[in-house]
Amino acid sequence: MRARVETVSVGGLPVRLRTLAPAGRLHDPVAPTVVLVHGIGMSHRSFDRSQRALARVHRTVSVDLPGFGGLPAAGRALDAEVLADLVVEAVRSRGAGELVVAGQSMGTQVAVEAALRHPDVVSSVVLVGPVVDDRRRTLLHQALGLGRDCLVEGPRMNAVVLTDYLRSVRQYLRELGPMLRYPMLERVAALAVPALVVRGTRDPIARHGWGARVAAHADRGALVELPGAHHVQEHQPVAFADLVTEFRRVETLERLGGAEGTR
């Protein structure tokens, strides 16, 4: 399965799209597209395995945000609202219809804002290792969590993290402030779409209590834990893909049931 890779300019900012889909569905405006948004310092590579697993069933698009994945730095901080607009516009410009936005780490903030700002397009969100825990909001807490996470991620993921961080340092430093200040609980509480929170059982950054609170603040939220660390989607790619598929199935049935009830 070969990905279609293209870079789209939105408002003068580059967004790279990596599309993988079942045969014949690279251009599918009817079925929902699963959009994968990486965390701070990272790139589409943090979804390599999980995207391939998801693409057996779904049309998928993983993104590289401006300043990450080798793209030129934006020259300024881009908050979650701006990033959400960039992602939705870039993906929609390539013919996508309904979107399921799955974010990891800082990407969860982008996913939430995409659903809040584009409710006619985003039908549900998947929040993998959401940040930032409001009881652990300092830079020191984040650094300690990241250090502990390196001990449980494994060689492959640590190599991805290190090399992605090295090529995104300028944008990484700009995004730290907006990421740390983002009011996740407040924004999740405003969601009108279902939110699936996923965390790794060994994740020292998005801990169990925090994940449970994020899910509880959503009107239609659920928490599922899979064995793994902060990048649990890569530790358990098939289980993660199955989870997203089941989440979509249940959400669709609920929507259809609601529609039947209004007749």
C-alpha atoms as a PDB file:
ATOM      1  CA  MET A   1       0.000   0.000   0.000  1.00  0.00           C
ATOM      2  CA  ARG A   2       1.646   3.225  -1.169  1.00  0.00           C
ATOM      3  CA  ALA A   3       0.791   6.597   0.359  1.00  0.00           C
ATOM      4  CA  ARG A   4      -0.065   9.640  -1.724  1.00  0.00           C
ATOM      5  CA  VAL A   5       2.031  12.497  -0.327  1.00  0.00           C
ATOM      6  CA  GLU A   6       1.359  16.140  -1.155  1.00  0.00           C
ATOM      7  CA  THR A   7       1.983  19.517   0.451  1.00  0.00           C
ATOM      8  CA  VAL A   8      -0.891  21.996   0.535  1.00  0.00           C
ATOM      9  CA  SER A   9      -0.446  25.713   1.203  1.00  0.00           C
ATOM     10  CA  VAL A  10      -3.133  27.221   3.431  1.00  0.00           C
ATOM     11  CA  GLY A  11      -2.821  30.940   4.066  1.00  0.00           C
ATOM     12  CA  GLY A  12       0.834  30.759   3.095  1.00  0.00           C
ATOM     13  CA  LEU A  13       1.567  27.929   5.545  1.00  0.00           C
ATOM     14  CA  PRO A  14       2.511  24.423   4.368  1.00  0.00           C
ATOM     15  CA  VAL A  15       0.628  21.329   5.524  1.00  0.00           C
ATOM     16  CA  ARG A  16       1.831  17.955   4.269  1.00  0.00           C
ATOM     17  CA  LEU A  17      -0.820  15.280   3.735  1.00  0.00           C
ATOM     18  CA  ARG A  18      -0.064  11.569   3.594  1.00  0.00           C
ATOM     19  CA  THR A  19      -3.100   9.649   2.329  1.00  0.00           C
ATOM     20  CA  LEU A  20      -3.542   5.887   2.675  1.00  0.00           C
ATOM     21  CA  ALA A  21      -6.799   4.147   1.826  1.00  0.00           C
ATOM     22  CA  PRO A  22      -8.270   0.834   0.723  1.00  0.00           C
ATOM     23  CA  ALA A  23      -8.001   0.225  -3.011  1.00  0.00           C
ATOM     24  CA  GLY A  24     -10.123   2.649  -5.006  1.00  0.00           C
ATOM     25  CA  ARG A  25     -10.822   5.006  -2.107  1.00  0.00           C
ATOM     26  CA  LEU A  26      -8.025   7.568  -2.339  1.00  0.00           C
ATOM     27  CA  HIS A  27     -10.718   9.983  -3.544  1.00  0.00           C
ATOM     28  CA  ASP A  28     -13.775   9.212  -1.411  1.00  0.00           C
ATOM     29  CA  PRO A  29     -15.960  12.205  -0.450  1.00  0.00           C
ATOM     30  CA  VAL A  30     -18.748   9.959   0.872  1.00  0.00           C
ATOM     31  CA  ALA A  31     -17.245   7.787   3.625  1.00  0.00           C
ATOM     32  CA  PRO A  32     -15.642   9.540   6.626  1.00  0.00           C
ATOM     33  CA  THR A  33     -11.912  10.260   6.435  1.00  0.00           C
ATOM     34  CA  VAL A  34      -9.820   9.561   9.536  1.00  0.00           C
ATOM     35  CA  VAL A  35      -7.376  12.449  10.007  1.00  0.00           C
ATOM     36  CA  LEU A  36      -4.278  11.823  12.151  1.00  0.00           C
ATOM     37  CA  VAL A  37      -2.600  14.790  13.865  1.00  0.00           C
ATOM     38  CA  HIS A  38       0.795  14.400  15.536  1.00  0.00           C
ATOM     39  CA  GLY A  39       2.019  15.903  18.789  1.00  0.00           C
ATOM     40  CA  ILE A  40       4.505  18.688  19.479  1.00  0.00           C
ATOM     41  CA  GLY A  41       7.907  18.070  17.888  1.00  0.00           C
ATOM     42  CA  MET A  42       6.612  15.035  16.006  1.00  0.00           C
ATOM     43  CA  SER A  43       5.472  14.235  12.457  1.00  0.00           C
ATOM     44  CA  HIS A  44       3.276  11.783  10.564  1.00  0.00           C
ATOM     45  CA  ARG A  45       5.837   9.116  11.530  1.00  0.00           C
ATOM     46  CA  SER A  46       4.209   8.868  14.969  1.00  0.00           C
ATOM     47  CA  PHE A  47       1.229   7.304  13.170  1.00  0.00           C
ATOM     48  CA  ASP A  48       3.086   5.095  10.658  1.00  0.00           C
ATOM     49  CA  ARG A  49       1.929   1.718  11.967  1.00  0.00           C
ATOM     50  CA  SER A  50      -1.497   2.808  13.122  1.00  0.00           C
ATOM     51  CA  GLN A  51      -2.259   4.558   9.838  1.00  0.00           C
ATOM     52  CA  ARG A  52      -1.478   1.397   7.899  1.00  0.00           C
ATOM     53  CA  ALA A  53      -3.754  -0.601  10.182  1.00  0.00           C
ATOM     54  CA  LEU A  54      -6.551   1.963   9.883  1.00  0.00           C
ATOM     55  CA  ALA A  55      -6.165   2.188   6.106  1.00  0.00           C
ATOM     56  CA  ARG A  56      -7.291  -1.413   5.693  1.00  0.00           C
ATOM     57  CA  VAL A  57     -10.818  -0.147   6.361  1.00  0.00           C
ATOM     58  CA  HIS A  58     -10.796   3.673   6.309  1.00  0.00           C
ATOM     59  CA  ARG A  59      -9.568   6.440   4.054  1.00  0.00           C
ATOM     60  CA  THR A  60      -6.872   8.027   6.227  1.00  0.00           C
ATOM     61  CA  VAL A  61      -4.820  11.220   6.062  1.00  0.00           C
ATOM     62  CA  SER A  62      -1.908  11.888   8.410  1.00  0.00           C
ATOM     63  CA  VAL A  63      -0.588  15.431   8.518  1.00  0.00           C
ATOM     64  CA  ASP A  64       2.685  17.243   9.087  1.00  0.00           C
ATOM     65  CA  LEU A  65       1.936  20.617  10.660  1.00  0.00           C
ATOM     66  CA  PRO A  66       3.928  23.752   9.701  1.00  0.00           C
ATOM     67  CA  GLY A  67       7.432  23.601  11.147  1.00  0.00           C
ATOM     68  CA  PHE A  68       7.293  19.857  11.788  1.00  0.00           C
ATOM     69  CA  GLY A  69       8.256  16.798   9.772  1.00  0.00           C
ATOM     70  CA  GLY A  70      10.874  18.794   7.851  1.00  0.00           C
ATOM     71  CA  LEU A  71       8.462  21.552   6.783  1.00  0.00           C
ATOM     72  CA  PRO A  72       9.631  25.192   7.079  1.00  0.00           C
ATOM     73  CA  ALA A  73       9.018  26.831  10.448  1.00  0.00           C
ATOM     74  CA  ALA A  74       6.045  29.185  10.575  1.00  0.00           C
ATOM     75  CA  GLY A  75       8.065  31.997  12.143  1.00  0.00           C
ATOM     76  CA  ARG A  76       5.483  32.430  14.892  1.00  0.00           C
ATOM     77  CA  ALA A  77       3.467  30.399  17.380  1.00  0.00           C
ATOM     78  CA  LEU A  78       0.373  28.748  15.946  1.00  0.00           C
ATOM     79  CA  ASP A  79      -2.236  27.994  18.585  1.00  0.00           C
ATOM     80  CA  ALA A  80      -4.606  25.034  18.482  1.00  0.00           C
ATOM     81  CA  GLU A  81      -7.388  27.065  16.841  1.00  0.00           C
ATOM     82  CA  VAL A  82      -5.164  28.118  13.930  1.00  0.00           C
ATOM     83  CA  LEU A  83      -3.764  24.608  13.516  1.00  0.00           C
ATOM     84  CA  ALA A  84      -7.270  23.141  13.521  1.00  0.00           C
ATOM     85  CA  ASP A  85      -8.356  25.458  10.716  1.00  0.00           C
ATOM     86  CA  LEU A  86      -5.227  24.618   8.721  1.00  0.00           C
ATOM     87  CA  VAL A  87      -5.792  20.876   9.054  1.00  0.00           C
ATOM     88  CA  VAL A  88      -9.487  20.950   8.166  1.00  0.00           C
ATOM     89  CA  GLU A  89      -8.983  23.261   5.182  1.00  0.00           C
ATOM     90  CA  ALA A  90      -6.015  21.271   3.859  1.00  0.00           C
ATOM     91  CA  VAL A  91      -7.772  17.902   4.102  1.00  0.00           C
ATOM     92  CA  ARG A  92     -11.052  19.220   2.732  1.00  0.00           C
ATOM     93  CA  SER A  93      -9.247  20.800  -0.218  1.00  0.00           C
ATOM     94  CA  ARG A  94      -8.414  17.279  -1.363  1.00  0.00           C
ATOM     95  CA  GLY A  95     -12.018  16.146  -1.582  1.00  0.00           C
ATOM     96  CA  ALA A  96     -12.700  14.769   1.890  1.00  0.00           C
ATOM     97  CA  GLY A  97     -16.208  15.012   3.277  1.00  0.00           C
ATOM     98  CA  GLU A  98     -16.961  14.036   6.888  1.00  0.00           C
ATOM     99  CA  LEU A  99     -13.907  13.888   9.154  1.00  0.00           C
ATOM    100  CA  VAL A 100     -12.989  11.863  12.223  1.00  0.00           C
ATOM    101  CA  VAL A 101     -10.030  13.708  13.746  1.00  0.00           C
ATOM    102  CA  ALA A 102      -7.615  11.662  15.844  1.00  0.00           C
ATOM    103  CA  GLY A 103      -4.880  13.595  17.607  1.00  0.00           C
ATOM    104  CA  GLN A 104      -1.999  12.434  19.767  1.00  0.00           C
ATOM    105  CA  SER A 105      -0.525  14.529  22.603  1.00  0.00           C
ATOM    106  CA  MET A 106      -0.633  18.180  21.387  1.00  0.00           C
ATOM    107  CA  GLY A 107      -2.579  16.889  18.401  1.00  0.00           C
ATOM    108  CA  THR A 108      -5.504  16.218  20.754  1.00  0.00           C
ATOM    109  CA  GLN A 109      -5.845  19.971  21.232  1.00  0.00           C
ATOM    110  CA  VAL A 110      -6.015  20.394  17.463  1.00  0.00           C
ATOM    111  CA  ALA A 111      -8.635  17.633  17.224  1.00  0.00           C
ATOM    112  CA  VAL A 112     -10.851  19.250  19.863  1.00  0.00           C
ATOM    113  CA  GLU A 113     -10.638  22.665  18.195  1.00  0.00           C
ATOM    114  CA  ALA A 114     -11.371  21.149  14.787  1.00  0.00           C
ATOM    115  CA  ALA A 115     -14.624  19.718  16.159  1.00  0.00           C
ATOM    116  CA  LEU A 116     -15.560  22.955  17.933  1.00  0.00           C
ATOM    117  CA  ARG A 117     -14.788  25.211  14.979  1.00  0.00           C
ATOM    118  CA  HIS A 118     -16.071  22.932  12.212  1.00  0.00           C
ATOM    119  CA  PRO A 119     -19.085  21.092  13.663  1.00  0.00           C
ATOM    120  CA  ASP A 120     -20.578  20.578  10.205  1.00  0.00           C
ATOM    121  CA  VAL A 121     -17.481  18.651   9.102  1.00  0.00           C
ATOM    122  CA  VAL A 122     -16.008  16.847  12.142  1.00  0.00           C
ATOM    123  CA  SER A 123     -18.315  14.094  13.409  1.00  0.00           C
ATOM    124  CA  SER A 124     -16.155  12.701  16.238  1.00  0.00           C
ATOM    125  CA  VAL A 125     -12.709  12.959  17.823  1.00  0.00           C
ATOM    126  CA  VAL A 126     -10.182  10.467  19.155  1.00  0.00           C
ATOM    127  CA  LEU A 127      -7.807  11.859  21.784  1.00  0.00           C
ATOM    128  CA  VAL A 128      -4.659   9.752  22.269  1.00  0.00           C
ATOM    129  CA  GLY A 129      -2.604  10.697  25.312  1.00  0.00           C
ATOM    130  CA  PRO A 130      -4.279  14.115  25.723  1.00  0.00           C
ATOM    131  CA  VAL A 131      -2.325  17.056  27.146  1.00  0.00           C
ATOM    132  CA  VAL A 132      -1.831  19.073  29.241  1.00  0.00           C
ATOM    133  CA  ASP A 133      -2.891  17.767  32.679  1.00  0.00           C
ATOM    134  CA  ASP A 134      -4.077  20.896  34.491  1.00  0.00           C
ATOM    135  CA  ARG A 135      -2.507  19.614  37.718  1.00  0.00           C
ATOM    136  CA  ARG A 136       0.863  19.102  36.034  1.00  0.00           C
ATOM    137  CA  ARG A 137       1.023  22.129  33.747  1.00  0.00           C
ATOM    138  CA  THR A 138       4.604  23.275  34.354  1.00  0.00           C
ATOM    139  CA  LEU A 139       7.482  22.818  31.933  1.00  0.00           C
ATOM    140  CA  LEU A 140       9.278  20.772  34.598  1.00  0.00           C
ATOM    141  CA  HIS A 141       6.374  18.331  34.857  1.00  0.00           C
ATOM    142  CA  GLN A 142       6.334  17.911  31.090  1.00  0.00           C
ATOM    143  CA  ALA A 143      10.105  17.383  30.908  1.00  0.00           C
ATOM    144  CA  LEU A 144      10.011  14.770  33.660  1.00  0.00           C
ATOM    145  CA  GLY A 145       7.096  13.006  31.993  1.00  0.00           C
ATOM    146  CA  LEU A 146       8.896  12.968  28.653  1.00  0.00           C
ATOM    147  CA  GLY A 147      12.034  11.574  30.279  1.00  0.00           C
ATOM    148  CA  ARG A 148      10.084   8.786  31.963  1.00  0.00           C
ATOM    149  CA  ASP A 149       8.272   8.045  28.724  1.00  0.00           C
ATOM    150  CA  CYS A 150      11.570   7.470  26.921  1.00  0.00           C
ATOM    151  CA  LEU A 151      12.210   4.579  29.310  1.00  0.00           C
ATOM    152  CA  VAL A 152       9.086   2.720  28.169  1.00  0.00           C
ATOM    153  CA  GLU A 153       8.651   3.717  24.496  1.00  0.00           C
ATOM    154  CA  GLY A 154      11.212   1.303  23.054  1.00  0.00           C
ATOM    155  CA  PRO A 155      14.123   1.874  20.624  1.00  0.00           C
ATOM    156  CA  ARG A 156      12.075   2.440  17.454  1.00  0.00           C
ATOM    157  CA  MET A 157       9.757   5.077  18.879  1.00  0.00           C
ATOM    158  CA  ASN A 158      12.567   6.805  20.753  1.00  0.00           C
ATOM    159  CA  ALA A 159      14.491   7.085  17.476  1.00  0.00           C
ATOM    160  CA  VAL A 160      11.444   8.638  15.802  1.00  0.00           C
ATOM    161  CA  VAL A 161      10.978  11.074  18.698  1.00  0.00           C
ATOM    162  CA  LEU A 162      14.646  12.117  18.738  1.00  0.00           C
ATOM    163  CA  THR A 163      15.000  12.664  14.994  1.00  0.00           C
ATOM    164  CA  ASP A 164      11.659  14.452  14.686  1.00  0.00           C
ATOM    165  CA  TYR A 165      12.481  16.727  17.615  1.00  0.00           C
ATOM    166  CA  LEU A 166      15.878  17.647  16.174  1.00  0.00           C
ATOM    167  CA  ARG A 167      14.399  18.893  12.899  1.00  0.00           C
ATOM    168  CA  SER A 168      11.558  20.857  14.518  1.00  0.00           C
ATOM    169  CA  VAL A 169      13.333  22.686  17.339  1.00  0.00           C
ATOM    170  CA  ARG A 170      12.399  26.215  16.200  1.00  0.00           C
ATOM    171  CA  GLN A 171       8.687  25.523  15.901  1.00  0.00           C
ATOM    172  CA  TYR A 172       8.725  23.274  18.969  1.00  0.00           C
ATOM    173  CA  LEU A 173       9.897  26.139  21.167  1.00  0.00           C
ATOM    174  CA  ARG A 174       7.209  28.443  19.785  1.00  0.00           C
ATOM    175  CA  GLU A 175       4.423  25.922  20.395  1.00  0.00           C
ATOM    176  CA  LEU A 176       5.305  25.117  24.009  1.00  0.00           C
ATOM    177  CA  GLY A 177       3.511  28.149  25.462  1.00  0.00           C
ATOM    178  CA  PRO A 178       0.187  27.700  23.649  1.00  0.00           C
ATOM    179  CA  MET A 179       0.245  23.958  24.393  1.00  0.00           C
ATOM    180  CA  LEU A 180       0.835  24.444  28.118  1.00  0.00           C
ATOM    181  CA  ARG A 181      -1.902  27.091  28.390  1.00  0.00           C
ATOM    182  CA  TYR A 182      -4.587  25.197  26.466  1.00  0.00           C
ATOM    183  CA  PRO A 183      -7.710  24.667  28.669  1.00  0.00           C
ATOM    184  CA  MET A 184      -8.418  21.060  27.634  1.00  0.00           C
ATOM    185  CA  LEU A 185     -11.173  20.308  30.142  1.00  0.00           C
ATOM    186  CA  GLU A 186     -13.071  23.498  29.363  1.00  0.00           C
ATOM    187  CA  ARG A 187     -12.861  22.930  25.622  1.00  0.00           C
ATOM    188  CA  VAL A 188     -13.769  19.226  25.794  1.00  0.00           C
ATOM    189  CA  ALA A 189     -16.848  20.123  27.854  1.00  0.00           C
ATOM    190  CA  ALA A 190     -18.039  22.267  24.934  1.00  0.00           C
ATOM    191  CA  LEU A 191     -17.867  19.409  22.409  1.00  0.00           C
ATOM    192  CA  ALA A 192     -21.097  18.431  20.684  1.00  0.00           C
ATOM    193  CA  VAL A 193     -19.564  15.286  19.145  1.00  0.00           C
ATOM    194  CA  PRO A 194     -18.461  11.990  20.726  1.00  0.00           C
ATOM    195  CA  ALA A 195     -14.932  11.911  22.144  1.00  0.00           C
ATOM    196  CA  LEU A 196     -12.932   8.728  22.609  1.00  0.00           C
ATOM    197  CA  VAL A 197      -9.969   9.147  24.963  1.00  0.00           C
ATOM    198  CA  VAL A 198      -7.196   6.571  24.520  1.00  0.00           C
ATOM    199  CA  ARG A 199      -4.146   6.244  26.726  1.00  0.00           C
ATOM    200  CA  GLY A 200      -1.350   3.770  27.273  1.00  0.00           C
ATOM    201  CA  THR A 201      -1.314   1.957  30.592  1.00  0.00           C
ATOM    202  CA  ARG A 202       2.343   2.994  31.031  1.00  0.00           C
ATOM    203  CA  ASP A 203       1.952   6.603  29.856  1.00  0.00           C
ATOM    204  CA  PRO A 204       3.605   8.937  32.422  1.00  0.00           C
ATOM    205  CA  ILE A 205       2.450  12.085  30.579  1.00  0.00           C
ATOM    206  CA  ALA A 206      -1.288  11.442  30.198  1.00  0.00           C
ATOM    207  CA  ARG A 207      -1.938   9.565  33.423  1.00  0.00           C
ATOM    208  CA  HIS A 208      -5.030   7.527  34.239  1.00  0.00           C
ATOM    209  CA  GLY A 209      -6.682  10.141  36.450  1.00  0.00           C
ATOM    210  CA  TRP A 210      -6.211  12.845  33.842  1.00  0.00           C
ATOM    211  CA  GLY A 211      -7.521  10.674  31.016  1.00  0.00           C
ATOM    212  CA  ALA A 212     -10.578   9.792  33.089  1.00  0.00           C
ATOM    213  CA  ARG A 213     -11.278  13.464  33.796  1.00  0.00           C
ATOM    214  CA  VAL A 214     -10.990  14.402  30.124  1.00  0.00           C
ATOM    215  CA  ALA A 215     -13.472  11.679  29.162  1.00  0.00           C
ATOM    216  CA  ALA A 216     -15.833  12.650  31.993  1.00  0.00           C
ATOM    217  CA  HIS A 217     -15.907  16.288  30.889  1.00  0.00           C
ATOM    218  CA  ALA A 218     -17.123  15.353  27.422  1.00  0.00           C
ATOM    219  CA  ASP A 219     -20.878  15.124  26.980  1.00  0.00           C
ATOM    220  CA  ARG A 220     -20.352  11.830  25.136  1.00  0.00           C
ATOM    221  CA  GLY A 221     -16.929  10.699  26.266  1.00  0.00           C
ATOM    222  CA  ALA A 222     -15.285   7.351  26.917  1.00  0.00           C
ATOM    223  CA  LEU A 223     -11.861   6.269  28.113  1.00  0.00           C
ATOM    224  CA  VAL A 224     -10.080   3.162  26.837  1.00  0.00           C
ATOM    225  CA  GLU A 225      -6.614   2.086  27.962  1.00  0.00           C
ATOM    226  CA  LEU A 226      -4.319  -0.086  25.855  1.00  0.00           C
ATOM    227  CA  PRO A 227      -0.966  -1.591  26.868  1.00  0.00           C
ATOM    228  CA  GLY A 228       1.774   0.859  25.984  1.00  0.00           C
ATOM    229  CA  ALA A 229       3.357   4.244  26.574  1.00  0.00           C
ATOM    230  CA  HIS A 230       2.517   7.776  25.397  1.00  0.00           C
ATOM    231  CA  HIS A 231       2.569   6.730  21.727  1.00  0.00           C
ATOM    232  CA  VAL A 232       0.243   3.811  22.407  1.00  0.00           C
ATOM    233  CA  GLN A 233      -1.193   3.995  18.886  1.00  0.00           C
ATOM    234  CA  GLU A 234       2.167   2.704  17.634  1.00  0.00           C
ATOM    235  CA  HIS A 235       2.586   0.093  20.356  1.00  0.00           C
ATOM    236  CA  GLN A 236      -0.843  -1.352  19.579  1.00  0.00           C
ATOM    237  CA  PRO A 237      -1.620  -0.323  15.976  1.00  0.00           C
ATOM    238  CA  VAL A 238      -4.121  -3.078  15.191  1.00  0.00           C
ATOM    239  CA  ALA A 239      -5.910  -2.779  18.527  1.00  0.00           C
ATOM    240  CA  PHE A 240      -6.018   0.997  18.073  1.00  0.00           C
ATOM    241  CA  ALA A 241      -7.416   0.675  14.544  1.00  0.00           C
ATOM    242  CA  ASP A 242     -10.055  -1.799  15.725  1.00  0.00           C
ATOM    243  CA  LEU A 243     -10.971   0.570  18.540  1.00  0.00           C
ATOM    244  CA  VAL A 244     -11.460   3.495  16.153  1.00  0.00           C
ATOM    245  CA  THR A 245     -13.530   1.315  13.816  1.00  0.00           C
ATOM    246  CA  GLU A 246     -15.776   0.145  16.655  1.00  0.00           C
ATOM    247  CA  PHE A 247     -16.083   3.691  17.969  1.00  0.00           C
ATOM    248  CA  ARG A 248     -17.208   4.822  14.535  1.00  0.00           C
ATOM    249  CA  ARG A 249     -19.683   1.964  14.260  1.00  0.00           C
ATOM    250  CA  VAL A 250     -21.295   2.697  17.629  1.00  0.00           C
ATOM    251  CA  GLU A 251     -21.366   6.446  16.941  1.00  0.00           C
ATOM    252  CA  THR A 252     -23.054   5.850  13.575  1.00  0.00           C
ATOM    253  CA  LEU A 253     -25.656   3.543  15.103  1.00  0.00           C
ATOM    254  CA  GLU A 254     -26.409   6.124  17.799  1.00  0.00           C
ATOM    255  CA  ARG A 255     -26.793   8.816  15.174  1.00  0.00           C
ATOM    256  CA  LEU A 256     -29.118   6.663  13.099  1.00  0.00           C
ATOM    257  CA  GLY A 257     -31.101   5.777  16.202  1.00  0.00           C
ATOM    258  CA  GLY A 258     -31.468   9.445  17.043  1.00  0.00           C
ATOM    259  CA  ALA A 259     -32.632  10.178  13.522  1.00  0.00           C
ATOM    260  CA  GLU A 260     -35.222   7.398  13.735  1.00  0.00           C
ATOM    261  CA  GLY A 261     -36.474   8.831  17.020  1.00  0.00           C
ATOM    262  CA  THR A 262     -37.189  12.222  15.467  1.00  0.00           C
ATOM    263  CA  ARG A 263     -39.444  10.821  12.757  1.00  0.00           C
END
